[in-house]
All heavy atoms as atom14 arrays in JSON, in Angstrom:
{
  "sequence": "VWLKYVPGISFRTDNEPFKMAMQRFTEKIVGMM",
  "atom14_mask": [
    [1, 1, 1, 1, 1, 1, 1, 0, 0, 0, 0, 0, 0, 0],
    [1, 1, 1, 1, 1, 1, 1, 1, 1, 1, 1, 1, 1, 1],
    [1, 1, 1, 1, 1, 1, 1, 1, 0, 0, 0, 0, 0, 0],
    [1, 1, 1, 1, 1, 1, 1, 1, 1, 0, 0, 0, 0, 0],
    [1, 1, 1, 1, 1, 1, 1, 1, 1, 1, 1, 1, 0, 0],
    [1, 1, 1, 1, 1, 1, 1, 0, 0, 0, 0, 0, 0, 0],
    [1, 1, 1, 1, 1, 1, 1, 0, 0, 0, 0, 0, 0, 0],
    [1, 1, 1, 1, 0, 0, 0, 0, 0, 0, 0, 0, 0, 0],
    [1, 1, 1, 1, 1, 1, 1, 1, 0, 0, 0, 0, 0, 0],
    [1, 1, 1, 1, 1, 1, 0, 0, 0, 0, 0, 0, 0, 0],
    [1, 1, 1, 1, 1, 1, 1, 1, 1, 1, 1, 0, 0, 0],
    [1, 1, 1, 1, 1, 1, 1, 1, 1, 1, 1, 0, 0, 0],
    [1, 1, 1, 1, 1, 1, 1, 0, 0, 0, 0, 0, 0, 0],
    [1, 1, 1, 1, 1, 1, 1, 1, 0, 0, 0, 0, 0, 0],
    [1, 1, 1, 1, 1, 1, 1, 1, 0, 0, 0, 0, 0, 0],
    [1, 1, 1, 1, 1, 1, 1, 1, 1, 0, 0, 0, 0, 0],
    [1, 1, 1, 1, 1, 1, 1, 0, 0, 0, 0, 0, 0, 0],
    [1, 1, 1, 1, 1, 1, 1, 1, 1, 1, 1, 0, 0, 0],
    [1, 1, 1, 1, 1, 1, 1, 1, 1, 0, 0, 0, 0, 0],
    [1, 1, 1, 1, 1, 1, 1, 1, 0, 0, 0, 0, 0, 0],
    [1, 1, 1, 1, 1, 0, 0, 0, 0, 0, 0, 0, 0, 0],
    [1, 1, 1, 1, 1, 1, 1, 1, 0, 0, 0, 0, 0, 0],
    [1, 1, 1, 1, 1, 1, 1, 1, 1, 0, 0, 0, 0, 0],
    [1, 1, 1, 1, 1, 1, 1, 1, 1, 1, 1, 0, 0, 0],
    [1, 1, 1, 1, 1, 1, 1, 1, 1, 1, 1, 0, 0, 0],
    [1, 1, 1, 1, 1, 1, 1, 0, 0, 0, 0, 0, 0, 0],
    [1, 1, 1, 1, 1, 1, 1, 1, 1, 0, 0, 0, 0, 0],
    [1, 1, 1, 1, 1, 1, 1, 1, 1, 0, 0, 0, 0, 0],
    [1, 1, 1, 1, 1, 1, 1, 1, 0, 0, 0, 0, 0, 0],
    [1, 1, 1, 1, 1, 1, 1, 0, 0, 0, 0, 0, 0, 0],
    [1, 1, 1, 1, 0, 0, 0, 0, 0, 0, 0, 0, 0, 0],
    [1, 1, 1, 1, 1, 1, 1, 1, 0, 0, 0, 0, 0, 0],
    [1, 1, 1, 1, 1, 1, 1, 1, 0, 0, 0, 0, 0, 0]
  ],
  "atom14_positions": [
    [[0.82, -1.21, 0.0], [0.0, 0.0, 0.0], [0.86, 1.26, 0.0], [0.46, 2.29, -0.55], [-0.98, -0.02, 1.2], [-1.69, 1.32, 1.36], [-2.01, -1.13, 1.0], [0.0, 0.0, 0.0], [0.0, 0.0, 0.0], [0.0, 0.0, 0.0], [0.0, 0.0, 0.0], [0.0, 0.0, 0.0], [0.0, 0.0, 0.0], [0.0, 0.0, 0.0]],
    [[2.06, 1.18, 0.57], [2.92, 2.38, 0.56], [3.24, 2.85, -0.86], [3.54, 4.03, -1.08], [4.21, 2.15, 1.36], [5.1, 1.02, 0.89], [5.2, -0.21, 1.46], [6.02, 1.02, -0.21], [6.12, -0.98, 0.77], [6.64, -0.24, -0.25], [6.38, 1.96, -1.17], [7.59, -0.6, -1.21], [7.34, 1.63, -2.14], [7.93, 0.36, -2.14]],
    [[3.17, 1.93, -1.82], [3.47, 2.29, -3.2], [2.51, 3.36, -3.72], [2.9, 4.21, -4.53], [3.4, 1.03, -4.07], [3.94, 1.13, -5.5], [5.45, 1.32, -5.49], [3.58, -0.13, -6.29], [0.0, 0.0, 0.0], [0.0, 0.0, 0.0], [0.0, 0.0, 0.0], [0.0, 0.0, 0.0], [0.0, 0.0, 0.0], [0.0, 0.0, 0.0]],
    [[1.28, 3.31, -3.26], [0.27, 4.3, -3.69], [0.68, 5.72, -3.33], [0.28, 6.68, -4.01], [-1.07, 3.94, -3.03], [-2.2, 4.96, -3.21], [-3.45, 4.5, -2.47], [-4.51, 5.58, -2.36], [-5.16, 5.89, -3.63], [0.0, 0.0, 0.0], [0.0, 0.0, 0.0], [0.0, 0.0, 0.0], [0.0, 0.0, 0.0], [0.0, 0.0, 0.0]],
    [[1.5, 5.87, -2.3], [1.83, 7.19, -1.78], [3.22, 7.67, -2.2], [3.71, 8.68, -1.68], [1.66, 7.2, -0.26], [0.23, 6.87, 0.09], [-0.14, 5.58, 0.48], [-0.77, 7.83, -0.04], [-1.47, 5.27, 0.75], [-2.1, 7.52, 0.22], [-2.44, 6.25, 0.62], [-3.76, 5.94, 0.86], [0.0, 0.0, 0.0], [0.0, 0.0, 0.0]],
    [[3.84, 6.97, -3.14], [5.06, 7.49, -3.75], [4.68, 8.7, -4.6], [3.76, 8.62, -5.42], [5.74, 6.41, -4.62], [6.89, 7.01, -5.41], [6.22, 5.25, -3.75], [0.0, 0.0, 0.0], [0.0, 0.0, 0.0], [0.0, 0.0, 0.0], [0.0, 0.0, 0.0], [0.0, 0.0, 0.0], [0.0, 0.0, 0.0], [0.0, 0.0, 0.0]],
    [[5.33, 9.85, -4.4], [4.93, 11.07, -5.14], [4.92, 10.87, -6.65], [5.87, 10.32, -7.23], [5.99, 12.09, -4.72], [6.45, 11.62, -3.37], [6.41, 10.12, -3.44], [0.0, 0.0, 0.0], [0.0, 0.0, 0.0], [0.0, 0.0, 0.0], [0.0, 0.0, 0.0], [0.0, 0.0, 0.0], [0.0, 0.0, 0.0], [0.0, 0.0, 0.0]],
    [[3.83, 11.28, -7.27], [3.73, 11.26, -8.72], [3.47, 9.91, -9.35], [3.52, 9.78, -10.58], [0.0, 0.0, 0.0], [0.0, 0.0, 0.0], [0.0, 0.0, 0.0], [0.0, 0.0, 0.0], [0.0, 0.0, 0.0], [0.0, 0.0, 0.0], [0.0, 0.0, 0.0], [0.0, 0.0, 0.0], [0.0, 0.0, 0.0], [0.0, 0.0, 0.0]],
    [[3.12, 8.91, -8.53], [3.02, 7.56, -9.07], [1.67, 7.29, -9.72], [0.64, 7.85, -9.34], [3.3, 6.5, -7.97], [3.75, 5.18, -8.6], [2.06, 6.3, -7.09], [4.41, 4.24, -7.62], [0.0, 0.0, 0.0], [0.0, 0.0, 0.0], [0.0, 0.0, 0.0], [0.0, 0.0, 0.0], [0.0, 0.0, 0.0], [0.0, 0.0, 0.0]],
    [[1.69, 6.46, -10.74], [0.49, 5.89, -11.35], [0.83, 4.46, -11.71], [1.82, 4.2, -12.4], [0.09, 6.68, -12.6], [-1.11, 6.16, -13.16], [0.0, 0.0, 0.0], [0.0, 0.0, 0.0], [0.0, 0.0, 0.0], [0.0, 0.0, 0.0], [0.0, 0.0, 0.0], [0.0, 0.0, 0.0], [0.0, 0.0, 0.0], [0.0, 0.0, 0.0]],
    [[0.01, 3.51, -11.24], [0.35, 2.09, -11.37], [0.23, 1.6, -12.81], [-0.67, 2.01, -13.55], [-0.58, 1.23, -10.5], [-0.36, 1.34, -9.02], [0.58, 2.21, -8.48], [-1.1, 0.56, -8.13], [0.77, 2.3, -7.11], [-0.92, 0.65, -6.77], [0.02, 1.51, -6.25], [0.0, 0.0, 0.0], [0.0, 0.0, 0.0], [0.0, 0.0, 0.0]],
    [[1.15, 0.72, -13.19], [1.05, -0.12, -14.38], [0.88, 0.7, -15.67], [0.09, 0.36, -16.53], [-0.09, -1.13, -14.24], [0.0, -2.0, -13.0], [-1.12, -3.01, -12.94], [-0.93, -4.09, -13.89], [-1.9, -4.9, -14.31], [-3.14, -4.69, -13.89], [-1.64, -5.86, -15.17], [0.0, 0.0, 0.0], [0.0, 0.0, 0.0], [0.0, 0.0, 0.0]],
    [[1.66, 1.75, -15.78], [1.66, 2.53, -17.01], [3.04, 3.16, -17.16], [3.92, 2.96, -16.31], [0.55, 3.59, -17.0], [0.47, 4.22, -18.28], [0.76, 4.63, -15.92], [0.0, 0.0, 0.0], [0.0, 0.0, 0.0], [0.0, 0.0, 0.0], [0.0, 0.0, 0.0], [0.0, 0.0, 0.0], [0.0, 0.0, 0.0], [0.0, 0.0, 0.0]],
    [[3.22, 3.94, -18.21], [4.53, 4.53, -18.5], [4.78, 5.69, -17.55], [4.72, 6.86, -17.93], [4.56, 4.99, -19.96], [5.98, 5.32, -20.42], [6.93, 5.01, -19.67], [6.12, 5.91, -21.51], [0.0, 0.0, 0.0], [0.0, 0.0, 0.0], [0.0, 0.0, 0.0], [0.0, 0.0, 0.0], [0.0, 0.0, 0.0], [0.0, 0.0, 0.0]],
    [[5.05, 5.33, -16.31], [5.19, 6.29, -15.22], [6.52, 6.02, -14.52], [6.75, 4.91, -14.03], [4.01, 6.13, -14.26], [4.16, 6.93, -12.99], [4.69, 6.43, -11.99], [3.69, 8.16, -13.0], [0.0, 0.0, 0.0], [0.0, 0.0, 0.0], [0.0, 0.0, 0.0], [0.0, 0.0, 0.0], [0.0, 0.0, 0.0], [0.0, 0.0, 0.0]],
    [[7.39, 6.99, -14.48], [8.75, 6.77, -13.99], [8.8, 6.32, -12.53], [9.52, 5.38, -12.2], [9.6, 8.02, -14.2], [9.96, 8.28, -15.65], [10.66, 7.09, -16.3], [11.55, 6.48, -15.64], [10.33, 6.77, -17.46], [0.0, 0.0, 0.0], [0.0, 0.0, 0.0], [0.0, 0.0, 0.0], [0.0, 0.0, 0.0], [0.0, 0.0, 0.0]],
    [[8.05, 6.95, -11.59], [8.12, 6.46, -10.21], [7.69, 5.0, -10.08], [8.31, 4.24, -9.34], [7.15, 7.4, -9.47], [7.16, 8.66, -10.26], [7.28, 8.21, -11.69], [0.0, 0.0, 0.0], [0.0, 0.0, 0.0], [0.0, 0.0, 0.0], [0.0, 0.0, 0.0], [0.0, 0.0, 0.0], [0.0, 0.0, 0.0], [0.0, 0.0, 0.0]],
    [[6.64, 4.61, -10.84], [6.2, 3.22, -10.76], [7.25, 2.29, -11.36], [7.58, 1.24, -10.78], [4.87, 3.02, -11.46], [4.4, 1.58, -11.45], [3.89, 1.02, -10.3], [4.52, 0.79, -12.58], [3.5, -0.31, -10.27], [4.12, -0.53, -12.57], [3.61, -1.09, -11.4], [0.0, 0.0, 0.0], [0.0, 0.0, 0.0], [0.0, 0.0, 0.0]],
    [[7.78, 2.65, -12.51], [8.75, 1.78, -13.17], [10.01, 1.62, -12.32], [10.59, 0.53, -12.26], [9.1, 2.33, -14.55], [7.94, 2.24, -15.55], [8.37, 2.49, -16.99], [8.87, 3.87, -17.22], [9.2, 4.12, -18.64], [0.0, 0.0, 0.0], [0.0, 0.0, 0.0], [0.0, 0.0, 0.0], [0.0, 0.0, 0.0], [0.0, 0.0, 0.0]],
    [[10.43, 2.7, -11.65], [11.61, 2.6, -10.79], [11.37, 1.63, -9.65], [12.22, 0.77, -9.35], [11.96, 3.99, -10.24], [12.57, 4.94, -11.25], [12.88, 6.57, -10.52], [14.03, 6.15, -9.21], [0.0, 0.0, 0.0], [0.0, 0.0, 0.0], [0.0, 0.0, 0.0], [0.0, 0.0, 0.0], [0.0, 0.0, 0.0], [0.0, 0.0, 0.0]],
    [[10.2, 1.73, -9.0], [9.9, 0.83, -7.88], [9.75, -0.6, -8.36], [10.25, -1.54, -7.72], [8.63, 1.3, -7.18], [0.0, 0.0, 0.0], [0.0, 0.0, 0.0], [0.0, 0.0, 0.0], [0.0, 0.0, 0.0], [0.0, 0.0, 0.0], [0.0, 0.0, 0.0], [0.0, 0.0, 0.0], [0.0, 0.0, 0.0], [0.0, 0.0, 0.0]],
    [[9.07, -0.8, -9.48], [8.86, -2.14, -10.02], [10.19, -2.78, -10.41], [10.43, -3.96, -10.11], [7.93, -2.06, -11.23], [7.79, -3.37, -11.99], [6.69, -3.2, -13.4], [7.01, -4.73, -14.27], [0.0, 0.0, 0.0], [0.0, 0.0, 0.0], [0.0, 0.0, 0.0], [0.0, 0.0, 0.0], [0.0, 0.0, 0.0], [0.0, 0.0, 0.0]],
    [[11.05, -2.01, -11.07], [12.35, -2.56, -11.49], [13.2, -2.92, -10.28], [13.85, -3.98, -10.27], [13.08, -1.57, -12.39], [14.43, -2.1, -12.89], [15.03, -1.23, -13.97], [14.41, -0.28, -14.45], [16.25, -1.55, -14.38], [0.0, 0.0, 0.0], [0.0, 0.0, 0.0], [0.0, 0.0, 0.0], [0.0, 0.0, 0.0], [0.0, 0.0, 0.0]],
    [[13.18, -2.06, -9.28], [13.99, -2.33, -8.09], [13.56, -3.63, -7.42], [14.42, -4.46, -7.04], [13.86, -1.15, -7.12], [14.66, -1.3, -5.84], [14.66, -0.01, -5.04], [13.31, 0.53, -4.89], [12.44, 0.11, -3.98], [12.76, -0.89, -3.16], [11.24, 0.65, -3.88], [0.0, 0.0, 0.0], [0.0, 0.0, 0.0], [0.0, 0.0, 0.0]],
    [[12.24, -3.87, -7.3], [11.79, -5.11, -6.66], [12.08, -6.31, -7.55], [12.52, -7.36, -7.06], [10.3, -5.04, -6.35], [9.8, -6.28, -5.67], [10.1, -6.54, -4.34], [9.03, -7.21, -6.36], [9.66, -7.7, -3.71], [8.58, -8.37, -5.75], [8.89, -8.61, -4.42], [0.0, 0.0, 0.0], [0.0, 0.0, 0.0], [0.0, 0.0, 0.0]],
    [[11.85, -6.19, -8.86], [12.13, -7.3, -9.77], [13.6, -7.67, -9.71], [13.97, -8.86, -9.66], [11.72, -6.93, -11.2], [10.34, -6.57, -11.22], [11.94, -8.1, -12.14], [0.0, 0.0, 0.0], [0.0, 0.0, 0.0], [0.0, 0.0, 0.0], [0.0, 0.0, 0.0], [0.0, 0.0, 0.0], [0.0, 0.0, 0.0], [0.0, 0.0, 0.0]],
    [[14.48, -6.67, -9.71], [15.92, -6.93, -9.62], [16.28, -7.58, -8.29], [17.17, -8.44, -8.23], [16.7, -5.63, -9.81], [16.67, -5.09, -11.24], [17.35, -3.74, -11.37], [17.58, -3.09, -10.32], [17.63, -3.33, -12.51], [0.0, 0.0, 0.0], [0.0, 0.0, 0.0], [0.0, 0.0, 0.0], [0.0, 0.0, 0.0], [0.0, 0.0, 0.0]],
    [[15.59, -7.17, -7.24], [15.82, -7.78, -5.93], [15.54, -9.28, -5.98], [16.36, -10.09, -5.52], [14.93, -7.1, -4.89], [14.88, -7.78, -3.53], [16.13, -7.53, -2.73], [15.99, -8.09, -1.32], [17.23, -7.88, -0.52], [0.0, 0.0, 0.0], [0.0, 0.0, 0.0], [0.0, 0.0, 0.0], [0.0, 0.0, 0.0], [0.0, 0.0, 0.0]],
    [[14.39, -9.66, -6.54], [14.01, -11.07, -6.59], [14.94, -11.85, -7.51], [15.44, -12.93, -7.15], [12.54, -11.22, -7.04], [11.6, -10.56, -6.02], [12.18, -12.69, -7.23], [11.69, -11.12, -4.62], [0.0, 0.0, 0.0], [0.0, 0.0, 0.0], [0.0, 0.0, 0.0], [0.0, 0.0, 0.0], [0.0, 0.0, 0.0], [0.0, 0.0, 0.0]],
    [[15.21, -11.32, -8.69], [16.1, -12.02, -9.63], [17.49, -12.16, -9.01], [18.13, -13.23, -9.13], [16.16, -11.28, -10.97], [17.29, -11.82, -11.85], [14.83, -11.39, -11.7], [0.0, 0.0, 0.0], [0.0, 0.0, 0.0], [0.0, 0.0, 0.0], [0.0, 0.0, 0.0], [0.0, 0.0, 0.0], [0.0, 0.0, 0.0], [0.0, 0.0, 0.0]],
    [[17.97, -11.13, -8.34], [19.28, -11.21, -7.7], [19.32, -12.29, -6.64], [20.31, -13.04, -6.53], [0.0, 0.0, 0.0], [0.0, 0.0, 0.0], [0.0, 0.0, 0.0], [0.0, 0.0, 0.0], [0.0, 0.0, 0.0], [0.0, 0.0, 0.0], [0.0, 0.0, 0.0], [0.0, 0.0, 0.0], [0.0, 0.0, 0.0], [0.0, 0.0, 0.0]],
    [[18.26, -12.42, -5.85], [18.21, -13.49, -4.84], [18.24, -14.86, -5.49], [18.92, -15.77, -5.02], [16.94, -13.34, -4.0], [16.93, -12.14, -3.08], [15.37, -11.98, -2.16], [15.41, -13.46, -1.16], [0.0, 0.0, 0.0], [0.0, 0.0, 0.0], [0.0, 0.0, 0.0], [0.0, 0.0, 0.0], [0.0, 0.0, 0.0], [0.0, 0.0, 0.0]],
    [[17.5, -15.01, -6.59], [17.48, -16.3, -7.28], [18.87, -16.64, -7.83], [19.34, -17.79, -7.72], [16.47, -16.28, -8.42], [15.02, -16.01, -8.02], [14.34, -17.18, -6.82], [14.24, -16.12, -5.36], [0.0, 0.0, 0.0], [0.0, 0.0, 0.0], [0.0, 0.0, 0.0], [0.0, 0.0, 0.0], [0.0, 0.0, 0.0], [0.0, 0.0, 0.0]]
  ]
}
């Protein structure tokens, strides 16, 4: 839910704050694997 309150965010579209957060988590999981 904290993701909703990242300034300027809009989910699942060409939105830089969302893409940054999504990429960071995806890289976290892939890195662990």
